């Protein structure tokens, strides 16, 4: 099994590396999403990215592309995905103020309207519908060397940023009121983290699809949450869970001829079941 997987490395190494880097990046960012109980926000932003891609395809089909050939470029669709996801993240981050709609209400509205519009925009375009269905089902096949370098750079920047602001990030995740009291401008930090979440999700979705993006964003962090006791440790455990599931999922998918994204997310789902079991045993032992 391992030998066959290694034999495929020359042909699919960009797919493997991009998938693992995306998993590591999203797992790291997902710790803050889970620690702040914003899981549904991750689903909404992922869906908005799909809407951005659908709108980009609709624009390219409605406009005469002879004068604007860049409208059919893959980079244009990636840019639309990022712009929409960052905008959605910033809008939802500003929601929930006194007298206004709650975070949950805004997030639910964003998710539902994006899910419906992304299909309506491409309903009369067979190629557009095929692309949206591909994004919804997730497919990592086709990742390029540019994707590998891009996600490697994003992961590096994320690690540097979190390493230099670790204490403030932990305080903001655990006690926003205390963070505000000690001089942190929570609104600016919320906007910064929301923009970074939107950027990573928007880029990841274009390469890996909605299922893989959302799964890697929340499942590794949920596993870490139930295994370790501190948010600080989650930043180490969640990426390890994502990488382990990614490597095992890609090897098994290649051996049994299954889609690698779905196999990886299935393994992460089983890992979460094991994490729940660990938490239950811990509670039983402490009660005894």
Protein backbone atom coordinates (compact mmCIF):
# COMPACT_ATOMS: atom_id res chain seq x y z
CA UNK A 1 0.00 0.00 0.00
CA UNK A 2 2.73 2.47 0.99
CA UNK A 3 4.89 1.40 -1.96
CA UNK A 4 2.05 2.02 -4.43
CA UNK A 5 1.43 5.43 -2.90
CA UNK A 6 5.08 6.41 -3.18
CA UNK A 7 5.09 5.22 -6.79
CA UNK A 8 2.35 7.75 -7.55
CA UNK A 9 4.33 10.60 -6.00
CA UNK A 10 5.86 11.79 -9.27
CA UNK A 11 2.41 12.22 -10.83
CA UNK A 12 0.38 13.52 -7.88
CA UNK A 13 2.91 15.12 -5.54
CA UNK A 14 1.45 18.62 -6.00
CA UNK A 15 -2.00 17.29 -5.04
CA UNK A 16 -0.64 15.55 -1.94
CA UNK A 17 1.47 18.48 -0.76
CA UNK A 18 -1.26 21.06 -1.40
CA UNK A 19 -3.83 18.94 0.43
CA UNK A 20 -1.61 18.48 3.48
CA UNK A 21 -0.62 22.15 3.61
CA UNK A 22 -4.28 23.20 3.33
CA UNK A 23 -5.15 20.82 6.16
CA UNK A 24 -2.39 22.18 8.39
CA UNK A 25 -3.28 25.80 7.65
CA UNK A 26 -7.01 25.39 8.20
CA UNK A 27 -6.52 23.31 11.35
CA UNK A 28 -4.39 26.05 12.84
CA UNK A 29 -6.86 28.79 11.95
CA UNK A 30 -9.73 26.56 13.03
CA UNK A 31 -8.49 26.50 16.63
CA UNK A 32 -9.62 30.10 17.03
CA UNK A 33 -12.91 29.36 15.26
CA UNK A 34 -13.69 26.47 17.63
CA UNK A 35 -12.33 28.20 20.74
CA UNK A 36 -14.64 31.15 20.09
CA UNK A 37 -17.66 28.92 19.26
CA UNK A 38 -17.87 30.20 15.68
CA UNK A 39 -18.11 26.86 13.87
CA UNK A 40 -21.16 27.86 11.84
CA UNK A 41 -19.29 31.00 10.78
CA UNK A 42 -16.76 28.73 9.07
CA UNK A 43 -19.54 27.02 7.13
CA UNK A 44 -21.03 30.36 6.09
CA UNK A 45 -17.71 31.78 4.88
CA UNK A 46 -17.01 28.60 2.93
CA UNK A 47 -20.38 28.90 1.23
CA UNK A 48 -19.83 32.58 0.45
CA UNK A 49 -16.56 31.65 -1.27
CA UNK A 50 -18.56 29.34 -3.50
CA UNK A 51 -20.89 32.24 -4.30
CA UNK A 52 -17.91 34.38 -5.28
CA UNK A 53 -16.73 31.71 -7.72
CA UNK A 54 -20.24 31.33 -9.14
CA UNK A 55 -20.51 35.09 -9.66
CA UNK A 56 -17.10 35.11 -11.34
CA UNK A 57 -18.22 32.41 -13.79
CA UNK A 58 -21.47 34.29 -14.45
CA UNK A 59 -19.55 37.49 -15.20
CA UNK A 60 -17.15 35.71 -17.55
CA UNK A 61 -20.09 34.21 -19.46
CA UNK A 62 -22.09 37.46 -19.60
CA UNK A 63 -19.25 39.74 -20.71
CA UNK A 64 -17.50 39.57 -24.06
CA UNK A 65 -14.20 38.09 -22.96
CA UNK A 66 -12.30 39.15 -26.09
CA UNK A 67 -11.45 42.46 -24.49
CA UNK A 68 -11.11 40.98 -21.01
CA UNK A 69 -9.37 37.59 -21.37
CA UNK A 70 -8.39 37.64 -17.70
CA UNK A 71 -12.06 37.02 -16.80
CA UNK A 72 -11.61 33.40 -17.81
CA UNK A 73 -8.40 32.95 -15.87
CA UNK A 74 -8.35 30.74 -12.79
CA UNK A 75 -6.79 33.58 -10.85
CA UNK A 76 -9.91 35.70 -11.37
CA UNK A 77 -12.12 33.03 -9.79
CA UNK A 78 -9.68 32.65 -6.89
CA UNK A 79 -9.75 36.42 -6.39
CA UNK A 80 -13.56 36.42 -6.34
CA UNK A 81 -13.58 33.62 -3.78
CA UNK A 82 -11.18 35.50 -1.51
CA UNK A 83 -12.97 38.85 -1.85
CA UNK A 84 -16.34 37.34 -0.99
CA UNK A 85 -15.06 35.25 1.90
CA UNK A 86 -13.13 38.15 3.46
CA UNK A 87 -16.15 40.45 3.08
CA UNK A 88 -18.46 37.87 4.66
CA UNK A 89 -16.03 37.31 7.54
CA UNK A 90 -15.81 41.05 8.22
CA UNK A 91 -19.60 41.53 8.03
CA UNK A 92 -20.32 38.69 10.44
CA UNK A 93 -17.53 39.80 12.78
CA UNK A 94 -19.26 43.19 13.15
CA UNK A 95 -22.65 41.61 13.81
CA UNK A 96 -24.24 40.89 17.16
CA UNK A 97 -24.07 44.44 18.51
CA UNK A 98 -26.59 45.72 20.99
CA UNK A 99 -29.96 46.29 19.35
CA UNK A 100 -28.94 44.54 16.15
CA UNK A 101 -29.15 41.06 14.74
CA UNK A 102 -27.25 38.32 16.56
CA UNK A 103 -24.10 36.69 15.19
CA UNK A 104 -26.07 33.48 14.66
CA UNK A 105 -28.82 35.28 12.76
CA UNK A 106 -26.39 37.08 10.45
CA UNK A 107 -24.33 33.95 9.89
CA UNK A 108 -27.42 31.89 9.08
CA UNK A 109 -28.65 34.51 6.61
CA UNK A 110 -25.23 34.68 4.93
CA UNK A 111 -25.07 30.89 4.60
CA UNK A 112 -28.57 30.46 3.18
CA UNK A 113 -28.52 33.35 0.72
CA UNK A 114 -25.08 32.30 -0.56
CA UNK A 115 -26.12 28.67 -0.97
CA UNK A 116 -29.16 29.63 -3.04
CA UNK A 117 -27.55 32.36 -5.17
CA UNK A 118 -24.50 30.26 -6.06
CA UNK A 119 -26.81 27.75 -7.77
CA UNK A 120 -29.13 30.32 -9.33
CA UNK A 121 -26.26 32.20 -10.96
CA UNK A 122 -25.06 29.14 -12.87
CA UNK A 123 -28.37 27.27 -13.24
CA UNK A 124 -28.38 27.73 -17.04
CA UNK A 125 -24.69 27.00 -17.50
CA UNK A 126 -23.79 23.27 -17.64
CA UNK A 127 -20.11 24.07 -17.09
CA UNK A 128 -20.97 26.39 -14.19
CA UNK A 129 -23.15 23.81 -12.48
CA UNK A 130 -20.44 21.21 -12.93
CA UNK A 131 -17.89 23.52 -11.32
CA UNK A 132 -20.15 24.34 -8.35
CA UNK A 133 -20.90 20.66 -7.81
CA UNK A 134 -17.17 19.96 -7.93
CA UNK A 135 -16.58 22.57 -5.25
CA UNK A 136 -19.39 21.21 -3.10
CA UNK A 137 -18.17 17.63 -3.40
CA UNK A 138 -14.46 18.55 -3.08
CA UNK A 139 -11.72 17.41 -5.40
CA UNK A 140 -8.02 17.94 -4.79
CA UNK A 141 -6.97 16.58 -8.17
CA UNK A 142 -5.44 19.32 -10.27
CA UNK A 143 -3.51 21.21 -7.61
CA UNK A 144 -0.42 22.88 -9.03
CA UNK A 145 3.02 23.86 -7.83
CA UNK A 146 1.72 27.41 -7.40
CA UNK A 147 -0.87 26.08 -4.94
CA UNK A 148 1.84 24.30 -2.97
CA UNK A 149 3.97 27.44 -2.69
CA UNK A 150 0.97 29.66 -1.93
CA UNK A 151 -0.33 27.52 0.93
CA UNK A 152 3.17 26.92 2.22
CA UNK A 153 3.69 30.68 2.39
CA UNK A 154 0.31 31.22 4.09
CA UNK A 155 1.11 28.55 6.64
CA UNK A 156 4.48 30.14 7.34
CA UNK A 157 2.95 33.59 7.79
CA UNK A 158 0.29 32.15 10.08
CA UNK A 159 2.89 30.46 12.27
CA UNK A 160 5.00 33.62 12.49
CA UNK A 161 1.99 35.80 13.31
CA UNK A 162 0.62 33.42 15.94
CA UNK A 163 4.05 32.97 17.47
CA UNK A 164 4.57 36.71 17.91
CA UNK A 165 1.04 37.40 19.19
CA UNK A 166 0.39 34.15 21.05
CA UNK A 167 -0.58 35.65 24.40
CA UNK A 168 -2.94 38.20 22.88
CA UNK A 169 -4.58 35.58 20.67
CA UNK A 170 -5.16 33.31 23.65
CA UNK A 171 -6.59 36.14 25.73
CA UNK A 172 -8.88 37.19 22.88
CA UNK A 173 -10.10 33.63 22.38
CA UNK A 174 -10.66 32.88 26.07
CA UNK A 175 -11.82 36.21 27.51
CA UNK A 176 -12.62 39.03 25.04
CA UNK A 177 -13.82 41.29 27.88
CA UNK A 178 -10.51 40.93 29.69
CA UNK A 179 -8.63 41.56 26.44
CA UNK A 180 -10.53 44.83 26.06
CA UNK A 181 -9.84 45.73 29.69
CA UNK A 182 -6.08 45.32 29.35
CA UNK A 183 -5.91 47.63 26.34
CA UNK A 184 -6.46 45.36 23.35
CA UNK A 185 -8.83 46.83 20.77
CA UNK A 186 -10.98 43.76 20.39
CA UNK A 187 -12.89 45.12 17.40
CA UNK A 188 -9.70 45.60 15.40
CA UNK A 189 -8.40 42.19 16.35
CA UNK A 190 -11.74 40.63 15.43
CA UNK A 191 -11.56 42.33 12.03
CA UNK A 192 -7.98 41.16 11.49
CA UNK A 193 -8.74 37.56 12.43
CA UNK A 194 -11.91 37.59 10.34
CA UNK A 195 -9.99 38.85 7.30
CA UNK A 196 -7.33 36.16 7.77
CA UNK A 197 -10.03 33.50 8.12
CA UNK A 198 -11.69 34.73 4.94
CA UNK A 199 -8.39 34.75 3.06
CA UNK A 200 -7.42 31.21 4.02
CA UNK A 201 -10.90 29.77 3.44
CA UNK A 202 -11.32 31.55 0.10
CA UNK A 203 -8.02 30.29 -1.28
CA UNK A 204 -8.46 26.79 0.14
CA UNK A 205 -11.95 26.36 -1.28
CA UNK A 206 -10.82 27.11 -4.84
CA UNK A 207 -8.25 24.30 -4.62
CA UNK A 208 -9.92 21.70 -2.39
CA UNK A 209 -13.70 22.30 -2.39
CA UNK A 210 -16.21 22.99 0.35
CA UNK A 211 -16.22 19.63 2.14
CA UNK A 212 -12.46 19.43 2.59
CA UNK A 213 -12.14 23.11 3.48
CA UNK A 214 -14.85 23.15 6.13
CA UNK A 215 -13.89 19.71 7.47
CA UNK A 216 -10.22 20.64 7.96
CA UNK A 217 -11.26 23.94 9.50
CA UNK A 218 -13.35 22.52 12.34
CA UNK A 219 -12.81 18.76 12.81
CA UNK A 220 -9.11 18.77 13.87
CA UNK A 221 -9.76 21.62 16.31
CA UNK A 222 -12.80 19.82 17.74
CA UNK A 223 -10.68 16.69 18.23
CA UNK A 224 -8.02 18.72 20.02
CA UNK A 225 -10.65 20.45 22.17
CA UNK A 226 -11.84 17.14 23.60
CA UNK A 227 -8.36 15.65 24.09
CA UNK A 228 -6.42 18.51 25.67
CA UNK A 229 -7.49 20.96 28.35
CA UNK A 230 -5.92 24.23 27.17
CA UNK A 231 -6.33 26.30 24.01
CA UNK A 232 -2.54 26.68 23.91
CA UNK A 233 -2.17 22.92 23.41
CA UNK A 234 -4.89 22.88 20.75
CA UNK A 235 -2.59 24.85 18.43
CA UNK A 236 -0.21 21.87 18.47
CA UNK A 237 -2.66 18.96 18.57
CA UNK A 238 -5.08 20.16 15.87
CA UNK A 239 -2.46 20.45 13.07
CA UNK A 240 -1.03 17.05 14.06
CA UNK A 241 -4.49 15.50 13.80
CA UNK A 242 -5.05 17.16 10.41
CA UNK A 243 -1.71 16.00 9.03
CA UNK A 244 -2.11 12.44 10.35
CA UNK A 245 -5.60 12.12 8.87
CA UNK A 246 -4.41 13.71 5.63
CA UNK A 247 -1.51 11.31 5.14
CA UNK A 248 -3.57 8.25 6.10
CA UNK A 249 -6.54 9.43 4.03
CA UNK A 250 -4.49 10.00 0.89
CA UNK A 251 -2.73 6.63 1.21
CA UNK A 252 -6.01 4.75 1.75
CA UNK A 253 -7.78 6.69 -1.00
CA UNK A 254 -5.04 5.83 -3.49
CA UNK A 255 -5.02 2.15 -2.50
CA UNK A 256 -8.80 1.67 -2.63
CA UNK A 257 -9.43 4.17 -5.46
CA UNK A 258 -11.54 6.58 -3.39
CA UNK A 259 -11.62 10.41 -3.51
CA UNK A 260 -8.84 11.64 -1.16
CA UNK A 261 -10.80 14.60 0.24
CA UNK A 262 -13.77 12.48 1.29
CA UNK A 263 -11.54 9.77 2.76
CA UNK A 264 -9.62 12.34 4.82
CA UNK A 265 -12.76 13.97 6.19
CA UNK A 266 -14.21 10.55 7.04
CA UNK A 267 -11.07 9.75 9.03
CA UNK A 268 -11.30 13.09 10.81
CA UNK A 269 -14.92 12.27 11.67
CA UNK A 270 -13.87 8.95 13.20
CA UNK A 271 -11.06 10.73 15.04
CA UNK A 272 -13.66 13.06 16.58
CA UNK A 273 -15.64 10.02 17.75
CA UNK A 274 -12.48 8.73 19.44
CA UNK A 275 -11.91 12.15 21.01
CA UNK A 276 -15.44 12.08 22.43
CA UNK A 277 -14.66 8.63 23.84
CA UNK A 278 -11.48 9.93 25.47
CA UNK A 279 -13.41 12.78 27.06
CA UNK A 280 -16.11 10.40 28.33
CA UNK A 281 -13.52 8.07 29.86
CA UNK A 282 -11.77 11.02 31.47
CA UNK A 283 -15.02 12.19 33.06
CA UNK A 284 -15.82 8.67 34.27
CA UNK A 285 -12.38 8.29 35.83
CA UNK A 286 -12.54 11.71 37.52
CA UNK A 287 -16.02 10.97 38.87
CA UNK A 288 -14.83 7.64 40.29
